[in-house]
Amino acid sequence: MDFASYESLDKQDKMYEMVMLSTRLTQGMSYVEYKDEFGIDFKEENIDKLKDLVKKGMITSCPTHLILTDKGLDLQNIVLDVLL
C-alpha cells in the first residue's frame, strides 16, 4: 500500500505558506526571498498594513524582514488575515 502523496499548491497558496511558515521563525520572512520567489514586492504591496501592524505592536519595524513580535506570534492568524 502506497501512503506517499502530495498536494500541489497554486501560487496563492504558496505565498500564504511562505508567509505563515517563515513568520514562525525568529528571523521572520525575508522580503527579498519573497520577491525572488513570487516576483512581488511584499513590503511595497502591504506598506500601509505593515505600518498599522507595527503601531499595534504585532510586528517589528525591520527594513529587510517581516518579523512578528511576541504579541504577533500569539495572534499570528490575525496578522495573516490582515496581510493576506
N, C-alpha and C. Protein backbone atom coordinates (compact mmCIF):
# COMPACT_ATOMS: atom_id res chain seq x y z
N MET A 1 0.84 -1.16 0.00
CA MET A 1 0.00 0.00 0.00
C MET A 1 0.90 1.24 0.00
N ASP A 2 0.63 2.17 -0.91
CA ASP A 2 1.44 3.38 -1.03
C ASP A 2 0.73 4.53 -0.31
N PHE A 3 1.35 5.01 0.76
CA PHE A 3 0.77 6.10 1.52
C PHE A 3 1.36 7.45 1.12
N ALA A 4 2.37 7.43 0.28
CA ALA A 4 3.01 8.68 -0.14
C ALA A 4 2.07 9.43 -1.07
N SER A 5 1.83 10.66 -0.72
CA SER A 5 1.01 11.53 -1.56
C SER A 5 1.46 12.96 -1.34
N TYR A 6 1.07 13.78 -2.23
CA TYR A 6 1.41 15.19 -2.10
C TYR A 6 0.28 16.03 -2.66
N GLU A 7 0.29 17.28 -2.25
CA GLU A 7 -0.71 18.21 -2.72
C GLU A 7 0.00 19.32 -3.48
N SER A 8 -0.46 19.57 -4.66
CA SER A 8 0.13 20.65 -5.46
C SER A 8 -0.55 21.96 -5.08
N LEU A 9 0.25 22.94 -4.72
CA LEU A 9 -0.30 24.23 -4.29
C LEU A 9 -0.25 25.23 -5.43
N ASP A 10 -1.30 26.05 -5.53
CA ASP A 10 -1.26 27.12 -6.52
C ASP A 10 -0.43 28.28 -5.96
N LYS A 11 -0.20 29.29 -6.78
CA LYS A 11 0.67 30.41 -6.38
C LYS A 11 0.17 31.09 -5.11
N GLN A 12 -1.12 31.33 -5.02
CA GLN A 12 -1.70 32.00 -3.85
C GLN A 12 -1.44 31.19 -2.57
N ASP A 13 -1.61 29.89 -2.66
CA ASP A 13 -1.37 29.02 -1.50
C ASP A 13 0.11 29.00 -1.13
N LYS A 14 0.98 28.99 -2.13
CA LYS A 14 2.42 29.01 -1.86
C LYS A 14 2.82 30.31 -1.18
N MET A 15 2.23 31.42 -1.60
CA MET A 15 2.52 32.71 -0.98
C MET A 15 2.09 32.69 0.49
N TYR A 16 0.90 32.18 0.75
CA TYR A 16 0.39 32.09 2.12
C TYR A 16 1.30 31.20 2.97
N GLU A 17 1.65 30.04 2.42
CA GLU A 17 2.51 29.10 3.15
C GLU A 17 3.86 29.74 3.51
N MET A 18 4.45 30.47 2.56
CA MET A 18 5.74 31.09 2.83
C MET A 18 5.64 32.09 3.97
N VAL A 19 4.63 32.94 3.93
CA VAL A 19 4.46 33.94 5.00
C VAL A 19 4.16 33.25 6.32
N MET A 20 3.25 32.31 6.32
CA MET A 20 2.85 31.63 7.55
C MET A 20 4.03 30.90 8.20
N LEU A 21 4.74 30.12 7.41
CA LEU A 21 5.82 29.31 7.98
C LEU A 21 7.03 30.16 8.37
N SER A 22 7.39 31.13 7.55
CA SER A 22 8.59 31.92 7.85
C SER A 22 8.38 32.88 9.01
N THR A 23 7.16 33.37 9.22
CA THR A 23 6.94 34.28 10.34
C THR A 23 6.92 33.55 11.68
N ARG A 24 6.91 32.25 11.66
CA ARG A 24 7.03 31.48 12.91
C ARG A 24 8.48 31.41 13.38
N LEU A 25 9.40 31.74 12.49
CA LEU A 25 10.82 31.70 12.82
C LEU A 25 11.27 33.04 13.41
N THR A 26 12.31 33.01 14.23
CA THR A 26 12.77 34.25 14.86
C THR A 26 13.29 35.26 13.85
N GLN A 27 13.87 34.79 12.74
CA GLN A 27 14.38 35.74 11.75
C GLN A 27 13.28 36.28 10.84
N GLY A 28 12.11 35.66 10.87
CA GLY A 28 10.98 36.15 10.09
C GLY A 28 11.10 35.84 8.61
N MET A 29 10.33 36.56 7.81
CA MET A 29 10.31 36.35 6.37
C MET A 29 11.11 37.42 5.66
N SER A 30 12.00 37.00 4.81
CA SER A 30 12.82 37.91 4.02
C SER A 30 11.99 38.49 2.88
N TYR A 31 11.96 39.82 2.80
CA TYR A 31 11.25 40.46 1.69
C TYR A 31 11.93 40.13 0.35
N VAL A 32 13.25 40.01 0.35
CA VAL A 32 13.99 39.69 -0.87
C VAL A 32 13.65 38.28 -1.35
N GLU A 33 13.62 37.32 -0.44
CA GLU A 33 13.28 35.95 -0.81
C GLU A 33 11.86 35.86 -1.35
N TYR A 34 10.95 36.60 -0.76
CA TYR A 34 9.56 36.61 -1.23
C TYR A 34 9.50 37.16 -2.65
N LYS A 35 10.21 38.27 -2.88
CA LYS A 35 10.22 38.85 -4.22
C LYS A 35 10.88 37.93 -5.23
N ASP A 36 11.96 37.28 -4.84
CA ASP A 36 12.64 36.33 -5.73
C ASP A 36 11.72 35.16 -6.08
N GLU A 37 10.95 34.71 -5.11
CA GLU A 37 10.07 33.55 -5.32
C GLU A 37 8.83 33.89 -6.14
N PHE A 38 8.23 35.05 -5.86
CA PHE A 38 6.93 35.36 -6.45
C PHE A 38 6.91 36.57 -7.38
N GLY A 39 8.00 37.32 -7.43
CA GLY A 39 8.05 38.49 -8.29
C GLY A 39 7.21 39.65 -7.78
N ILE A 40 6.91 39.64 -6.50
CA ILE A 40 6.08 40.67 -5.88
C ILE A 40 6.84 41.29 -4.71
N ASP A 41 6.83 42.61 -4.65
CA ASP A 41 7.46 43.31 -3.54
C ASP A 41 6.46 43.35 -2.38
N PHE A 42 6.59 42.39 -1.47
CA PHE A 42 5.64 42.24 -0.36
C PHE A 42 5.54 43.51 0.46
N LYS A 43 6.68 44.11 0.76
CA LYS A 43 6.69 45.30 1.61
C LYS A 43 5.97 46.46 0.92
N GLU A 44 6.25 46.68 -0.35
CA GLU A 44 5.61 47.76 -1.09
C GLU A 44 4.11 47.53 -1.24
N GLU A 45 3.72 46.30 -1.50
CA GLU A 45 2.31 45.97 -1.69
C GLU A 45 1.49 46.12 -0.39
N ASN A 46 2.16 46.00 0.75
CA ASN A 46 1.46 45.98 2.04
C ASN A 46 1.91 47.08 2.99
N ILE A 47 2.52 48.14 2.47
CA ILE A 47 3.15 49.15 3.32
C ILE A 47 2.20 49.72 4.38
N ASP A 48 0.98 50.07 4.00
CA ASP A 48 0.04 50.63 4.98
C ASP A 48 -0.36 49.61 6.03
N LYS A 49 -0.58 48.37 5.62
CA LYS A 49 -0.92 47.31 6.57
C LYS A 49 0.24 47.05 7.53
N LEU A 50 1.46 47.05 6.99
CA LEU A 50 2.64 46.83 7.83
C LEU A 50 2.79 47.94 8.86
N LYS A 51 2.60 49.17 8.44
CA LYS A 51 2.70 50.31 9.37
C LYS A 51 1.67 50.17 10.49
N ASP A 52 0.46 49.77 10.14
CA ASP A 52 -0.60 49.59 11.13
C ASP A 52 -0.25 48.46 12.11
N LEU A 53 0.31 47.37 11.60
CA LEU A 53 0.69 46.26 12.47
C LEU A 53 1.85 46.64 13.40
N VAL A 54 2.76 47.49 12.92
CA VAL A 54 3.83 48.00 13.80
C VAL A 54 3.22 48.82 14.93
N LYS A 55 2.28 49.71 14.59
CA LYS A 55 1.62 50.55 15.60
C LYS A 55 0.89 49.71 16.64
N LYS A 56 0.34 48.60 16.21
CA LYS A 56 -0.40 47.71 17.12
C LYS A 56 0.52 46.77 17.89
N GLY A 57 1.83 46.86 17.61
CA GLY A 57 2.79 46.04 18.35
C GLY A 57 2.82 44.58 17.93
N MET A 58 2.39 44.29 16.71
CA MET A 58 2.32 42.91 16.27
C MET A 58 3.51 42.49 15.41
N ILE A 59 4.19 43.46 14.79
CA ILE A 59 5.41 43.19 14.04
C ILE A 59 6.44 44.25 14.38
N THR A 60 7.70 43.94 14.12
CA THR A 60 8.76 44.92 14.33
C THR A 60 8.96 45.72 13.05
N SER A 61 9.53 46.89 13.20
CA SER A 61 9.85 47.72 12.05
C SER A 61 11.24 47.34 11.57
N CYS A 62 11.29 46.45 10.59
CA CYS A 62 12.55 45.95 10.05
C CYS A 62 12.54 46.15 8.54
N PRO A 63 13.59 46.75 7.98
CA PRO A 63 13.58 47.04 6.54
C PRO A 63 13.76 45.81 5.64
N THR A 64 14.25 44.70 6.18
CA THR A 64 14.57 43.55 5.34
C THR A 64 13.69 42.32 5.58
N HIS A 65 13.02 42.25 6.73
CA HIS A 65 12.26 41.05 7.09
C HIS A 65 10.93 41.42 7.76
N LEU A 66 9.96 40.57 7.57
CA LEU A 66 8.71 40.64 8.31
C LEU A 66 8.90 39.78 9.56
N ILE A 67 8.97 40.45 10.71
CA ILE A 67 9.24 39.75 11.97
C ILE A 67 8.11 40.04 12.95
N LEU A 68 7.50 38.98 13.44
CA LEU A 68 6.43 39.13 14.41
C LEU A 68 6.99 39.33 15.81
N THR A 69 6.33 40.17 16.58
CA THR A 69 6.67 40.35 17.99
C THR A 69 6.07 39.17 18.75
N ASP A 70 6.30 39.12 20.05
CA ASP A 70 5.67 38.08 20.87
C ASP A 70 4.14 38.15 20.74
N LYS A 71 3.62 39.37 20.78
CA LYS A 71 2.17 39.56 20.62
C LYS A 71 1.73 39.07 19.24
N GLY A 72 2.49 39.40 18.21
CA GLY A 72 2.17 38.97 16.85
C GLY A 72 2.22 37.47 16.69
N LEU A 73 3.18 36.84 17.36
CA LEU A 73 3.26 35.37 17.31
C LEU A 73 2.03 34.74 17.97
N ASP A 74 1.60 35.32 19.09
CA ASP A 74 0.41 34.81 19.76
C ASP A 74 -0.84 34.98 18.91
N LEU A 75 -0.84 36.03 18.08
CA LEU A 75 -2.00 36.35 17.25
C LEU A 75 -1.67 36.24 15.76
N GLN A 76 -0.85 35.26 15.41
CA GLN A 76 -0.38 35.12 14.04
C GLN A 76 -1.51 35.02 13.03
N ASN A 77 -2.57 34.33 13.37
CA ASN A 77 -3.70 34.19 12.44
C ASN A 77 -4.29 35.55 12.08
N ILE A 78 -4.36 36.45 13.05
CA ILE A 78 -4.88 37.80 12.78
C ILE A 78 -3.93 38.55 11.87
N VAL A 79 -2.63 38.45 12.14
CA VAL A 79 -1.64 39.11 11.28
C VAL A 79 -1.76 38.60 9.84
N LEU A 80 -1.89 37.30 9.67
CA LEU A 80 -2.01 36.72 8.34
C LEU A 80 -3.30 37.17 7.67
N ASP A 81 -4.39 37.25 8.42
CA ASP A 81 -5.64 37.72 7.84
C ASP A 81 -5.52 39.16 7.34
N VAL A 82 -4.82 39.99 8.10
CA VAL A 82 -4.63 41.39 7.70
C VAL A 82 -3.80 41.47 6.42
N LEU A 83 -2.72 40.71 6.38
CA LEU A 83 -1.78 40.82 5.27
C LEU A 83 -2.20 40.04 4.02
N LEU A 84 -2.89 38.94 4.22
CA LEU A 84 -3.21 38.08 3.08
C LEU A 84 -4.69 37.97 2.90
